[in-house]
Full PDB file with SEQRES, HELIX, SHEET, SSBOND, CRYST1, ORIGX, SCALE, CONECT and MASTER records, all heavy atoms in Angstrom:
SEQRES   1 A   41  LYS GLU ARG GLU PHE VAL SER HIS ILE GLY GLY SER GLU          
SEQRES   2 A   41  THR THR THR PHE TYR ALA ALA SER VAL ARG GLY ARG PHE          
SEQRES   3 A   41  THR ILE PHE ARG ASP ASN ALA LYS ASN THR VAL TYR LEU          
SEQRES   4 A   41  GLN MET                                                      
HELIX    1 AA1 ASN A   32  LYS A   34  5                                   3    
SHEET    1 AA1 2 SER A   7  ILE A   9  0                                        
SHEET    2 AA1 2 THR A  16  TYR A  18 -1                                        
SHEET    1 AA2 2 THR A  27  ASP A  31  0                                        
SHEET    2 AA2 2 THR A  36  GLN A  40 -1                                        
CRYST1    1.000    1.000    1.000  90.00  90.00  90.00 P 1           1          
ORIGX1      1.000000  0.000000  0.000000        0.00000                         
ORIGX2      0.000000  1.000000  0.000000        0.00000                         
ORIGX3      0.000000  0.000000  1.000000        0.00000                         
SCALE1      1.000000  0.000000  0.000000        0.00000                         
SCALE2      0.000000  1.000000  0.000000        0.00000                         
SCALE3      0.000000  0.000000  1.000000        0.00000                         
ATOM      1  N   LYS A   1     -11.852 -10.661  -8.385  1.00  0.00           N  
ATOM      2  CA  LYS A   1     -10.404 -10.629  -8.231  1.00  0.00           C  
ATOM      3  C   LYS A   1      -9.932 -11.763  -7.330  1.00  0.00           C  
ATOM      4  O   LYS A   1     -10.704 -12.329  -6.559  1.00  0.00           O  
ATOM      5  CB  LYS A   1      -9.949  -9.294  -7.636  1.00  0.00           C  
ATOM      6  CG  LYS A   1     -10.405  -8.069  -8.398  1.00  0.00           C  
ATOM      7  CD  LYS A   1      -9.736  -7.961  -9.754  1.00  0.00           C  
ATOM      8  CE  LYS A   1     -10.116  -6.660 -10.437  1.00  0.00           C  
ATOM      9  NZ  LYS A   1      -9.461  -6.536 -11.765  1.00  0.00           N  
ATOM     10  N   GLU A   2      -8.649 -12.086  -7.431  1.00  0.00           N  
ATOM     11  CA  GLU A   2      -8.051 -13.056  -6.534  1.00  0.00           C  
ATOM     12  C   GLU A   2      -7.774 -12.416  -5.180  1.00  0.00           C  
ATOM     13  O   GLU A   2      -7.635 -11.200  -5.061  1.00  0.00           O  
ATOM     14  CB  GLU A   2      -6.759 -13.613  -7.121  1.00  0.00           C  
ATOM     15  CG  GLU A   2      -6.942 -14.436  -8.377  1.00  0.00           C  
ATOM     16  CD  GLU A   2      -5.662 -15.084  -8.834  1.00  0.00           C  
ATOM     17  OE1 GLU A   2      -4.617 -14.887  -8.187  1.00  0.00           O  
ATOM     18  OE2 GLU A   2      -5.704 -15.806  -9.841  1.00  0.00           O  
ATOM     19  N   ARG A   3      -7.687 -13.248  -4.161  1.00  0.00           N  
ATOM     20  CA  ARG A   3      -7.362 -12.737  -2.836  1.00  0.00           C  
ATOM     21  C   ARG A   3      -5.932 -12.212  -2.823  1.00  0.00           C  
ATOM     22  O   ARG A   3      -5.021 -12.823  -3.383  1.00  0.00           O  
ATOM     23  CB  ARG A   3      -7.544 -13.844  -1.801  1.00  0.00           C  
ATOM     24  CG  ARG A   3      -7.401 -13.364  -0.366  1.00  0.00           C  
ATOM     25  CD  ARG A   3      -8.202 -14.230   0.595  1.00  0.00           C  
ATOM     26  NE  ARG A   3      -7.865 -15.635   0.506  1.00  0.00           N  
ATOM     27  CZ  ARG A   3      -8.528 -16.604   1.124  1.00  0.00           C  
ATOM     28  NH1 ARG A   3      -9.587 -16.307   1.879  1.00  0.00           N  
ATOM     29  NH2 ARG A   3      -8.153 -17.855   0.988  1.00  0.00           N  
ATOM     30  N   GLU A   4      -5.729 -11.065  -2.186  1.00  0.00           N  
ATOM     31  CA  GLU A   4      -4.426 -10.432  -2.168  1.00  0.00           C  
ATOM     32  C   GLU A   4      -4.005 -10.075  -0.747  1.00  0.00           C  
ATOM     33  O   GLU A   4      -4.833  -9.826   0.133  1.00  0.00           O  
ATOM     34  CB  GLU A   4      -4.415  -9.170  -3.042  1.00  0.00           C  
ATOM     35  CG  GLU A   4      -5.309  -8.054  -2.527  1.00  0.00           C  
ATOM     36  CD  GLU A   4      -5.198  -6.782  -3.342  1.00  0.00           C  
ATOM     37  OE1 GLU A   4      -4.311  -6.694  -4.218  1.00  0.00           O  
ATOM     38  OE2 GLU A   4      -6.007  -5.855  -3.113  1.00  0.00           O  
ATOM     39  N   PHE A   5      -2.706 -10.018  -0.555  1.00  0.00           N  
ATOM     40  CA  PHE A   5      -2.121  -9.662   0.725  1.00  0.00           C  
ATOM     41  C   PHE A   5      -2.334  -8.191   1.022  1.00  0.00           C  
ATOM     42  O   PHE A   5      -2.213  -7.340   0.141  1.00  0.00           O  
ATOM     43  CB  PHE A   5      -0.624  -9.983   0.704  1.00  0.00           C  
ATOM     44  CG  PHE A   5       0.142  -9.402   1.853  1.00  0.00           C  
ATOM     45  CD1 PHE A   5       0.076  -9.981   3.108  1.00  0.00           C  
ATOM     46  CD2 PHE A   5       0.929  -8.283   1.680  1.00  0.00           C  
ATOM     47  CE1 PHE A   5       0.784  -9.454   4.175  1.00  0.00           C  
ATOM     48  CE2 PHE A   5       1.640  -7.744   2.732  1.00  0.00           C  
ATOM     49  CZ  PHE A   5       1.565  -8.339   3.985  1.00  0.00           C  
ATOM     50  N   VAL A   6      -2.628  -7.885   2.287  1.00  0.00           N  
ATOM     51  CA  VAL A   6      -2.801  -6.510   2.730  1.00  0.00           C  
ATOM     52  C   VAL A   6      -1.743  -6.124   3.759  1.00  0.00           C  
ATOM     53  O   VAL A   6      -1.028  -5.136   3.590  1.00  0.00           O  
ATOM     54  CB  VAL A   6      -4.205  -6.280   3.323  1.00  0.00           C  
ATOM     55  CG1 VAL A   6      -4.330  -4.860   3.876  1.00  0.00           C  
ATOM     56  CG2 VAL A   6      -5.274  -6.534   2.264  1.00  0.00           C  
ATOM     57  N   SER A   7      -1.636  -6.902   4.845  1.00  0.00           N  
ATOM     58  CA  SER A   7      -0.724  -6.539   5.923  1.00  0.00           C  
ATOM     59  C   SER A   7      -0.375  -7.759   6.759  1.00  0.00           C  
ATOM     60  O   SER A   7      -1.097  -8.752   6.765  1.00  0.00           O  
ATOM     61  CB  SER A   7      -1.349  -5.456   6.806  1.00  0.00           C  
ATOM     62  OG  SER A   7      -0.418  -4.974   7.764  1.00  0.00           O  
ATOM     63  N   HIS A   8       0.741  -7.661   7.482  1.00  0.00           N  
ATOM     64  CA  HIS A   8       1.257  -8.753   8.312  1.00  0.00           C  
ATOM     65  C   HIS A   8       1.835  -8.180   9.594  1.00  0.00           C  
ATOM     66  O   HIS A   8       2.413  -7.084   9.595  1.00  0.00           O  
ATOM     67  CB  HIS A   8       2.346  -9.521   7.552  1.00  0.00           C  
ATOM     68  CG  HIS A   8       3.265 -10.318   8.431  1.00  0.00           C  
ATOM     69  ND1 HIS A   8       3.009 -11.629   8.759  1.00  0.00           N  
ATOM     70  CD2 HIS A   8       4.432  -9.995   9.043  1.00  0.00           C  
ATOM     71  CE1 HIS A   8       3.977 -12.083   9.535  1.00  0.00           C  
ATOM     72  NE2 HIS A   8       4.856 -11.106   9.720  1.00  0.00           N  
ATOM     73  N   ILE A   9       1.699  -8.951  10.681  1.00  0.00           N  
ATOM     74  CA  ILE A   9       2.360  -8.611  11.931  1.00  0.00           C  
ATOM     75  C   ILE A   9       2.958  -9.878  12.515  1.00  0.00           C  
ATOM     76  O   ILE A   9       2.319 -10.927  12.569  1.00  0.00           O  
ATOM     77  CB  ILE A   9       1.401  -7.922  12.925  1.00  0.00           C  
ATOM     78  CG1 ILE A   9       2.163  -7.442  14.166  1.00  0.00           C  
ATOM     79  CG2 ILE A   9       0.244  -8.838  13.310  1.00  0.00           C  
ATOM     80  CD1 ILE A   9       1.356  -6.468  15.017  1.00  0.00           C  
ATOM     81  N   GLY A  10       4.219  -9.797  12.952  1.00  0.00           N  
ATOM     82  CA  GLY A  10       4.919 -10.946  13.498  1.00  0.00           C  
ATOM     83  C   GLY A  10       4.673 -11.119  14.978  1.00  0.00           C  
ATOM     84  O   GLY A  10       3.696 -10.618  15.546  1.00  0.00           O  
ATOM     85  N   GLY A  11       5.571 -11.841  15.621  1.00  0.00           N  
ATOM     86  CA  GLY A  11       5.433 -12.086  17.050  1.00  0.00           C  
ATOM     87  C   GLY A  11       5.499 -10.834  17.884  1.00  0.00           C  
ATOM     88  O   GLY A  11       4.940 -10.786  18.977  1.00  0.00           O  
ATOM     89  N   SER A  12       6.190  -9.828  17.375  1.00  0.00           N  
ATOM     90  CA  SER A  12       6.272  -8.527  18.023  1.00  0.00           C  
ATOM     91  C   SER A  12       5.418  -7.516  17.261  1.00  0.00           C  
ATOM     92  O   SER A  12       5.393  -7.519  16.033  1.00  0.00           O  
ATOM     93  CB  SER A  12       7.716  -8.037  18.076  1.00  0.00           C  
ATOM     94  OG  SER A  12       7.794  -6.683  18.477  1.00  0.00           O  
ATOM     95  N   GLU A  13       4.738  -6.640  17.997  1.00  0.00           N  
ATOM     96  CA  GLU A  13       3.899  -5.636  17.344  1.00  0.00           C  
ATOM     97  C   GLU A  13       4.703  -4.623  16.557  1.00  0.00           C  
ATOM     98  O   GLU A  13       4.136  -3.866  15.767  1.00  0.00           O  
ATOM     99  CB  GLU A  13       3.024  -4.910  18.378  1.00  0.00           C  
ATOM    100  CG  GLU A  13       3.814  -4.103  19.399  1.00  0.00           C  
ATOM    101  CD  GLU A  13       4.147  -4.896  20.636  1.00  0.00           C  
ATOM    102  OE1 GLU A  13       4.206  -6.147  20.547  1.00  0.00           O  
ATOM    103  OE2 GLU A  13       4.345  -4.278  21.701  1.00  0.00           O  
ATOM    104  N   THR A  14       6.023  -4.619  16.727  1.00  0.00           N  
ATOM    105  CA  THR A  14       6.881  -3.707  15.986  1.00  0.00           C  
ATOM    106  C   THR A  14       7.331  -4.280  14.645  1.00  0.00           C  
ATOM    107  O   THR A  14       7.970  -3.565  13.857  1.00  0.00           O  
ATOM    108  CB  THR A  14       8.112  -3.322  16.803  1.00  0.00           C  
ATOM    109  OG1 THR A  14       8.899  -4.494  17.068  1.00  0.00           O  
ATOM    110  CG2 THR A  14       7.704  -2.691  18.128  1.00  0.00           C  
ATOM    111  N   THR A  15       7.020  -5.542  14.375  1.00  0.00           N  
ATOM    112  CA  THR A  15       7.383  -6.190  13.119  1.00  0.00           C  
ATOM    113  C   THR A  15       6.156  -6.243  12.223  1.00  0.00           C  
ATOM    114  O   THR A  15       5.272  -7.076  12.430  1.00  0.00           O  
ATOM    115  CB  THR A  15       7.931  -7.595  13.362  1.00  0.00           C  
ATOM    116  OG1 THR A  15       9.034  -7.539  14.274  1.00  0.00           O  
ATOM    117  CG2 THR A  15       8.401  -8.223  12.057  1.00  0.00           C  
ATOM    118  N   THR A  16       6.095  -5.351  11.244  1.00  0.00           N  
ATOM    119  CA  THR A  16       4.930  -5.248  10.373  1.00  0.00           C  
ATOM    120  C   THR A  16       5.343  -5.069   8.924  1.00  0.00           C  
ATOM    121  O   THR A  16       6.415  -4.555   8.624  1.00  0.00           O  
ATOM    122  CB  THR A  16       4.025  -4.072  10.781  1.00  0.00           C  
ATOM    123  OG1 THR A  16       4.769  -2.847  10.700  1.00  0.00           O  
ATOM    124  CG2 THR A  16       3.506  -4.250  12.204  1.00  0.00           C  
ATOM    125  N   PHE A  17       4.474  -5.485   8.016  1.00  0.00           N  
ATOM    126  CA  PHE A  17       4.662  -5.314   6.585  1.00  0.00           C  
ATOM    127  C   PHE A  17       3.325  -4.952   5.961  1.00  0.00           C  
ATOM    128  O   PHE A  17       2.262  -5.343   6.447  1.00  0.00           O  
ATOM    129  CB  PHE A  17       5.219  -6.587   5.937  1.00  0.00           C  
ATOM    130  CG  PHE A  17       6.575  -6.977   6.426  1.00  0.00           C  
ATOM    131  CD1 PHE A  17       6.720  -7.902   7.443  1.00  0.00           C  
ATOM    132  CD2 PHE A  17       7.714  -6.416   5.871  1.00  0.00           C  
ATOM    133  CE1 PHE A  17       7.972  -8.267   7.903  1.00  0.00           C  
ATOM    134  CE2 PHE A  17       8.969  -6.763   6.324  1.00  0.00           C  
ATOM    135  CZ  PHE A  17       9.101  -7.699   7.343  1.00  0.00           C  
ATOM    136  N   TYR A  18       3.387  -4.221   4.835  1.00  0.00           N  
ATOM    137  CA  TYR A  18       2.188  -3.760   4.157  1.00  0.00           C  
ATOM    138  C   TYR A  18       2.332  -3.905   2.650  1.00  0.00           C  
ATOM    139  O   TYR A  18       3.427  -3.766   2.101  1.00  0.00           O  
ATOM    140  CB  TYR A  18       1.916  -2.287   4.466  1.00  0.00           C  
ATOM    141  CG  TYR A  18       1.694  -2.003   5.928  1.00  0.00           C  
ATOM    142  CD1 TYR A  18       2.753  -1.665   6.757  1.00  0.00           C  
ATOM    143  CD2 TYR A  18       0.415  -2.073   6.477  1.00  0.00           C  
ATOM    144  CE1 TYR A  18       2.552  -1.409   8.101  1.00  0.00           C  
ATOM    145  CE2 TYR A  18       0.206  -1.814   7.821  1.00  0.00           C  
ATOM    146  CZ  TYR A  18       1.279  -1.484   8.628  1.00  0.00           C  
ATOM    147  OH  TYR A  18       1.072  -1.229   9.966  1.00  0.00           O  
ATOM    148  N   ALA A  19       1.218  -4.174   2.003  1.00  0.00           N  
ATOM    149  CA  ALA A  19       1.189  -4.098   0.559  1.00  0.00           C  
ATOM    150  C   ALA A  19       1.387  -2.655   0.126  1.00  0.00           C  
ATOM    151  O   ALA A  19       0.972  -1.718   0.819  1.00  0.00           O  
ATOM    152  CB  ALA A  19      -0.138  -4.635   0.019  1.00  0.00           C  
ATOM    153  N   ALA A  20       2.020  -2.465  -1.022  1.00  0.00           N  
ATOM    154  CA  ALA A  20       2.295  -1.114  -1.495  1.00  0.00           C  
ATOM    155  C   ALA A  20       1.019  -0.291  -1.655  1.00  0.00           C  
ATOM    156  O   ALA A  20       1.023   0.925  -1.444  1.00  0.00           O  
ATOM    157  CB  ALA A  20       3.056  -1.170  -2.823  1.00  0.00           C  
ATOM    158  N   SER A  21      -0.080  -0.941  -2.003  1.00  0.00           N  
ATOM    159  CA  SER A  21      -1.322  -0.238  -2.255  1.00  0.00           C  
ATOM    160  C   SER A  21      -1.947   0.370  -1.001  1.00  0.00           C  
ATOM    161  O   SER A  21      -2.781   1.273  -1.111  1.00  0.00           O  
ATOM    162  CB  SER A  21      -2.333  -1.181  -2.920  1.00  0.00           C  
ATOM    163  OG  SER A  21      -2.596  -2.301  -2.096  1.00  0.00           O  
ATOM    164  N   VAL A  22      -1.559  -0.111   0.188  1.00  0.00           N  
ATOM    165  CA  VAL A  22      -2.147   0.389   1.427  1.00  0.00           C  
ATOM    166  C   VAL A  22      -1.128   1.047   2.339  1.00  0.00           C  
ATOM    167  O   VAL A  22      -1.521   1.650   3.355  1.00  0.00           O  
ATOM    168  CB  VAL A  22      -2.880  -0.730   2.201  1.00  0.00           C  
ATOM    169  CG1 VAL A  22      -3.875  -1.434   1.301  1.00  0.00           C  
ATOM    170  CG2 VAL A  22      -1.886  -1.730   2.792  1.00  0.00           C  
ATOM    171  N   ARG A  23       0.139   0.960   2.021  1.00  0.00           N  
ATOM    172  CA  ARG A  23       1.186   1.517   2.871  1.00  0.00           C  
ATOM    173  C   ARG A  23       0.983   3.021   3.055  1.00  0.00           C  
ATOM    174  O   ARG A  23       0.767   3.747   2.094  1.00  0.00           O  
ATOM    175  CB  ARG A  23       2.559   1.224   2.277  1.00  0.00           C  
ATOM    176  CG  ARG A  23       3.715   1.501   3.233  1.00  0.00           C  
ATOM    177  CD  ARG A  23       5.050   1.063   2.618  1.00  0.00           C  
ATOM    178  NE  ARG A  23       5.080  -0.366   2.340  1.00  0.00           N  
ATOM    179  CZ  ARG A  23       5.265  -0.879   1.126  1.00  0.00           C  
ATOM    180  NH1 ARG A  23       5.436  -0.090   0.082  1.00  0.00           N  
ATOM    181  NH2 ARG A  23       5.270  -2.195   0.966  1.00  0.00           N  
ATOM    182  N   GLY A  24       1.040   3.466   4.304  1.00  0.00           N  
ATOM    183  CA  GLY A  24       0.809   4.856   4.621  1.00  0.00           C  
ATOM    184  C   GLY A  24      -0.629   5.183   4.945  1.00  0.00           C  
ATOM    185  O   GLY A  24      -0.900   6.260   5.494  1.00  0.00           O  
ATOM    186  N   ARG A  25      -1.557   4.284   4.613  1.00  0.00           N  
ATOM    187  CA  ARG A  25      -2.972   4.488   4.902  1.00  0.00           C  
ATOM    188  C   ARG A  25      -3.496   3.517   5.957  1.00  0.00           C  
ATOM    189  O   ARG A  25      -4.366   3.879   6.741  1.00  0.00           O  
ATOM    190  CB  ARG A  25      -3.808   4.344   3.632  1.00  0.00           C  
ATOM    191  CG  ARG A  25      -3.456   5.345   2.543  1.00  0.00           C  
ATOM    192  CD  ARG A  25      -4.432   5.273   1.376  1.00  0.00           C  
ATOM    193  NE  ARG A  25      -4.405   3.976   0.716  1.00  0.00           N  
ATOM    194  CZ  ARG A  25      -5.467   3.176   0.588  1.00  0.00           C  
ATOM    195  NH1 ARG A  25      -6.639   3.547   1.091  1.00  0.00           N  
ATOM    196  NH2 ARG A  25      -5.353   2.020  -0.044  1.00  0.00           N  
ATOM    197  N   PHE A  26      -2.985   2.290   5.960  1.00  0.00           N  
ATOM    198  CA  PHE A  26      -3.435   1.248   6.887  1.00  0.00           C  
ATOM    199  C   PHE A  26      -2.374   0.998   7.947  1.00  0.00           C  
ATOM    200  O   PHE A  26      -1.173   1.128   7.687  1.00  0.00           O  
ATOM    201  CB  PHE A  26      -3.704  -0.063   6.152  1.00  0.00           C  
ATOM    202  CG  PHE A  26      -4.879  -0.053   5.209  1.00  0.00           C  
ATOM    203  CD1 PHE A  26      -5.551   1.117   4.891  1.00  0.00           C  
ATOM    204  CD2 PHE A  26      -5.302  -1.236   4.642  1.00  0.00           C  
ATOM    205  CE1 PHE A  26      -6.622   1.119   4.020  1.00  0.00           C  
ATOM    206  CE2 PHE A  26      -6.375  -1.256   3.770  1.00  0.00           C  
ATOM    207  CZ  PHE A  26      -7.039  -0.077   3.450  1.00  0.00           C  
ATOM    208  N   THR A  27      -2.812   0.597   9.139  1.00  0.00           N  
ATOM    209  CA  THR A  27      -1.912   0.242  10.226  1.00  0.00           C  
ATOM    210  C   THR A  27      -2.398  -1.035  10.889  1.00  0.00           C  
ATOM    211  O   THR A  27      -3.570  -1.140  11.247  1.00  0.00           O  
ATOM    212  CB  THR A  27      -1.826   1.358  11.277  1.00  0.00           C  
ATOM    213  OG1 THR A  27      -1.407   2.581  10.662  1.00  0.00           O  
ATOM    214  CG2 THR A  27      -0.826   0.982  12.366  1.00  0.00           C  
ATOM    215  N   ILE A  28      -1.504  -1.998  11.051  1.00  0.00           N  
ATOM    216  CA  ILE A  28      -1.824  -3.234  11.754  1.00  0.00           C  
ATOM    217  C   ILE A  28      -1.198  -3.178  13.143  1.00  0.00           C  
ATOM    218  O   ILE A  28      -0.053  -2.749  13.302  1.00  0.00           O  
ATOM    219  CB  ILE A  28      -1.345  -4.470  10.968  1.00  0.00           C  
ATOM    220  CG1 ILE A  28      -1.837  -5.762  11.634  1.00  0.00           C  
ATOM    221  CG2 ILE A  28       0.167  -4.486  10.802  1.00  0.00           C  
ATOM    222  CD1 ILE A  28      -1.593  -7.012  10.790  1.00  0.00           C  
ATOM    223  N   PHE A  29      -1.954  -3.586  14.160  1.00  0.00           N  
ATOM    224  CA  PHE A  29      -1.426  -3.642  15.510  1.00  0.00           C  
ATOM    225  C   PHE A  29      -2.210  -4.679  16.299  1.00  0.00           C  
ATOM    226  O   PHE A  29      -3.253  -5.152  15.854  1.00  0.00           O  
ATOM    227  CB  PHE A  29      -1.462  -2.266  16.192  1.00  0.00           C  
ATOM    228  CG  PHE A  29      -2.840  -1.673  16.345  1.00  0.00           C  
ATOM    229  CD1 PHE A  29      -3.513  -1.755  17.556  1.00  0.00           C  
ATOM    230  CD2 PHE A  29      -3.452  -1.012  15.297  1.00  0.00           C  
ATOM    231  CE1 PHE A  29      -4.774  -1.194  17.709  1.00  0.00           C  
ATOM    232  CE2 PHE A  29      -4.712  -0.450  15.435  1.00  0.00           C  
ATOM    233  CZ  PHE A  29      -5.374  -0.547  16.648  1.00  0.00           C  
ATOM    234  N   ARG A  30      -1.699  -5.033  17.474  1.00  0.00           N  
ATOM    235  CA  ARG A  30      -2.325  -6.083  18.262  1.00  0.00           C  
ATOM    236  C   ARG A  30      -2.395  -5.729  19.732  1.00  0.00           C  
ATOM    237  O   ARG A  30      -1.607  -4.923  20.247  1.00  0.00           O  
ATOM    238  CB  ARG A  30      -1.573  -7.409  18.075  1.00  0.00           C  
ATOM    239  CG  ARG A  30      -0.192  -7.447  18.706  1.00  0.00           C  
ATOM    240  CD  ARG A  30       0.646  -8.596  18.151  1.00  0.00           C  
ATOM    241  NE  ARG A  30      -0.059  -9.858  18.134  1.00  0.00           N  
ATOM    242  CZ  ARG A  30       0.295 -10.913  17.413  1.00  0.00           C  
ATOM    243  NH1 ARG A  30       1.371 -10.840  16.625  1.00  0.00           N  
ATOM    244  NH2 ARG A  30      -0.405 -12.030  17.458  1.00  0.00           N  
ATOM    245  N   ASP A  31      -3.359  -6.340  20.410  1.00  0.00           N  
ATOM    246  CA  ASP A  31      -3.502  -6.274  21.850  1.00  0.00           C  
ATOM    247  C   ASP A  31      -3.407  -7.711  22.345  1.00  0.00           C  
ATOM    248  O   ASP A  31      -4.377  -8.463  22.283  1.00  0.00           O  
ATOM    249  CB  ASP A  31      -4.836  -5.644  22.244  1.00  0.00           C  
ATOM    250  CG  ASP A  31      -4.991  -5.472  23.745  1.00  0.00           C  
ATOM    251  OD1 ASP A  31      -4.297  -6.152  24.513  1.00  0.00           O  
ATOM    252  OD2 ASP A  31      -5.825  -4.647  24.157  1.00  0.00           O  
ATOM    253  N   ASN A  32      -2.236  -8.094  22.812  1.00  0.00           N  
ATOM    254  CA  ASN A  32      -2.004  -9.480  23.194  1.00  0.00           C  
ATOM    255  C   ASN A  32      -2.882  -9.923  24.365  1.00  0.00           C  
ATOM    256  O   ASN A  32      -3.279 -11.089  24.436  1.00  0.00           O  
ATOM    257  CB  ASN A  32      -0.532  -9.695  23.537  1.00  0.00           C  
ATOM    258  CG  ASN A  32       0.370  -9.656  22.329  1.00  0.00           C  
ATOM    259  OD1 ASN A  32      -0.033 -10.058  21.236  1.00  0.00           O  
ATOM    260  ND2 ASN A  32       1.591  -9.188  22.507  1.00  0.00           N  
ATOM    261  N   ALA A  33      -3.181  -9.012  25.277  1.00  0.00           N  
ATOM    262  CA  ALA A  33      -4.015  -9.355  26.421  1.00  0.00           C  
ATOM    263  C   ALA A  33      -5.424  -9.748  25.990  1.00  0.00           C  
ATOM    264  O   ALA A  33      -6.088 -10.527  26.681  1.00  0.00           O  
ATOM    265  CB  ALA A  33      -4.070  -8.197  27.409  1.00  0.00           C  
ATOM    266  N   LYS A  34      -5.881  -9.218  24.868  1.00  0.00           N  
ATOM    267  CA  LYS A  34      -7.219  -9.505  24.359  1.00  0.00           C  
ATOM    268  C   LYS A  34      -7.194 -10.497  23.195  1.00  0.00           C  
ATOM    269  O   LYS A  34      -8.249 -10.800  22.631  1.00  0.00           O  
ATOM    270  CB  LYS A  34      -7.903  -8.219  23.916  1.00  0.00           C  
ATOM    271  CG  LYS A  34      -8.108  -7.213  25.033  1.00  0.00           C  
ATOM    272  CD  LYS A  34      -8.615  -5.882  24.511  1.00  0.00           C  
ATOM    273  CE  LYS A  34      -9.976  -6.003  23.870  1.00  0.00           C  
ATOM    274  NZ  LYS A  34     -10.500  -4.675  23.440  1.00  0.00           N  
ATOM    275  N   ASN A  35      -6.005 -10.994  22.841  1.00  0.00           N  
ATOM    276  CA  ASN A  35      -5.854 -11.903  21.698  1.00  0.00           C  
ATOM    277  C   ASN A  35      -6.516 -11.337  20.445  1.00  0.00           C  
ATOM    278  O   ASN A  35      -7.199 -12.046  19.703  1.00  0.00           O  
ATOM    279  CB  ASN A  35      -6.432 -13.286  22.020  1.00  0.00           C  
ATOM    280  CG  ASN A  35      -5.630 -14.020  23.070  1.00  0.00           C  
ATOM    281  OD1 ASN A  35      -4.413 -13.909  23.129  1.00  0.00           O  
ATOM    282  ND2 ASN A  35      -6.318 -14.787  23.910  1.00  0.00           N  
ATOM    283  N   THR A  36      -6.291 -10.053  20.208  1.00  0.00           N  
ATOM    284  CA  THR A  36      -6.954  -9.356  19.113  1.00  0.00           C  
ATOM    285  C   THR A  36      -5.930  -8.625  18.252  1.00  0.00           C  
ATOM    286  O   THR A  36      -5.027  -7.966  18.777  1.00  0.00           O  
ATOM    287  CB  THR A  36      -7.989  -8.359  19.643  1.00  0.00           C  
ATOM    288  OG1 THR A  36      -8.950  -9.058  20.443  1.00  0.00           O  
ATOM    289  CG2 THR A  36      -8.705  -7.665  18.497  1.00  0.00           C  
ATOM    290  N   VAL A  37      -6.092  -8.746  16.942  1.00  0.00           N  
ATOM    291  CA  VAL A  37      -5.304  -8.001  15.968  1.00  0.00           C  
ATOM    292  C   VAL A  37      -6.234  -7.043  15.243  1.00  0.00           C  
ATOM    293  O   VAL A  37      -7.351  -7.410  14.868  1.00  0.00           O  
ATOM    294  CB  VAL A  37      -4.600  -8.940  14.976  1.00  0.00           C  
ATOM    295  CG1 VAL A  37      -3.896  -8.140  13.888  1.00  0.00           C  
ATOM    296  CG2 VAL A  37      -3.593  -9.814  15.703  1.00  0.00           C  
ATOM    297  N   TYR A  38      -5.766  -5.820  15.031  1.00  0.00           N  
ATOM    298  CA  TYR A  38      -6.567  -4.779  14.414  1.00  0.00           C  
ATOM    299  C   TYR A  38      -5.954  -4.340  13.093  1.00  0.00           C  
ATOM    300  O   TYR A  38      -4.742  -4.428  12.878  1.00  0.00           O  
ATOM    301  CB  TYR A  38      -6.674  -3.557  15.329  1.00  0.00           C  
ATOM    302  CG  TYR A  38      -7.288  -3.839  16.675  1.00  0.00           C  
ATOM    303  CD1 TYR A  38      -6.495  -4.227  17.755  1.00  0.00           C  
ATOM    304  CD2 TYR A  38      -8.657  -3.720  16.870  1.00  0.00           C  
ATOM    305  CE1 TYR A  38      -7.056  -4.480  18.987  1.00  0.00           C  
ATOM    306  CE2 TYR A  38      -9.222  -3.970  18.103  1.00  0.00           C  
ATOM    307  CZ  TYR A  38      -8.418  -4.349  19.159  1.00  0.00           C  
ATOM    308  OH  TYR A  38      -8.987  -4.601  20.394  1.00  0.00           O  
ATOM    309  N   LEU A  39      -6.803  -3.840  12.213  1.00  0.00           N  
ATOM    310  CA  LEU A  39      -6.365  -3.180  10.997  1.00  0.00           C  
ATOM    311  C   LEU A  39      -7.074  -1.835  10.929  1.00  0.00           C  
ATOM    312  O   LEU A  39      -8.274  -1.773  10.668  1.00  0.00           O  
ATOM    313  CB  LEU A  39      -6.678  -4.007   9.754  1.00  0.00           C  
ATOM    314  CG  LEU A  39      -6.153  -3.428   8.436  1.00  0.00           C  
ATOM    315  CD1 LEU A  39      -4.626  -3.482   8.395  1.00  0.00           C  
ATOM    316  CD2 LEU A  39      -6.742  -4.168   7.242  1.00  0.00           C  
ATOM    317  N   GLN A  40      -6.335  -0.771  11.209  1.00  0.00           N  
ATOM    318  CA  GLN A  40      -6.867   0.580  11.103  1.00  0.00           C  
ATOM    319  C   GLN A  40      -6.722   1.043   9.667  1.00  0.00           C  
ATOM    320  O   GLN A  40      -5.610   1.094   9.138  1.00  0.00           O  
ATOM    321  CB  GLN A  40      -6.118   1.526  12.042  1.00  0.00           C  
ATOM    322  CG  GLN A  40      -6.573   2.973  11.968  1.00  0.00           C  
ATOM    323  CD  GLN A  40      -7.977   3.159  12.477  1.00  0.00           C  
ATOM    324  OE1 GLN A  40      -8.343   2.610  13.519  1.00  0.00           O  
ATOM    325  NE2 GLN A  40      -8.786   3.917  11.748  1.00  0.00           N  
ATOM    326  N   MET A  41      -7.831   1.387   9.032  1.00  0.00           N  
ATOM    327  CA  MET A  41      -7.849   1.763   7.628  1.00  0.00           C  
ATOM    328  C   MET A  41      -8.292   3.214   7.514  1.00  0.00           C  
ATOM    329  O   MET A  41      -9.426   3.555   7.861  1.00  0.00           O  
ATOM    330  CB  MET A  41      -8.779   0.852   6.829  1.00  0.00           C  
ATOM    331  CG  MET A  41      -8.458  -0.631   6.979  1.00  0.00           C  
ATOM    332  SD  MET A  41      -9.475  -1.680   5.908  1.00  0.00           S  
ATOM    333  CE  MET A  41     -11.090  -1.375   6.618  1.00  0.00           C  
TER     334      MET A  41                                                      
MASTER        0    0    0    1    4    0    0    6  333    1    0    4          
END                                                                             
């Protein structure tokens, strides 16, 4: 398959978007102090 979009987070952790196929199941969030972005599936 081709690569597909899953999730996005902007400059603020409150600005997020999800592909319809994962919405409600996946959560994207970040820890700025650790320079780390997470995807909880």
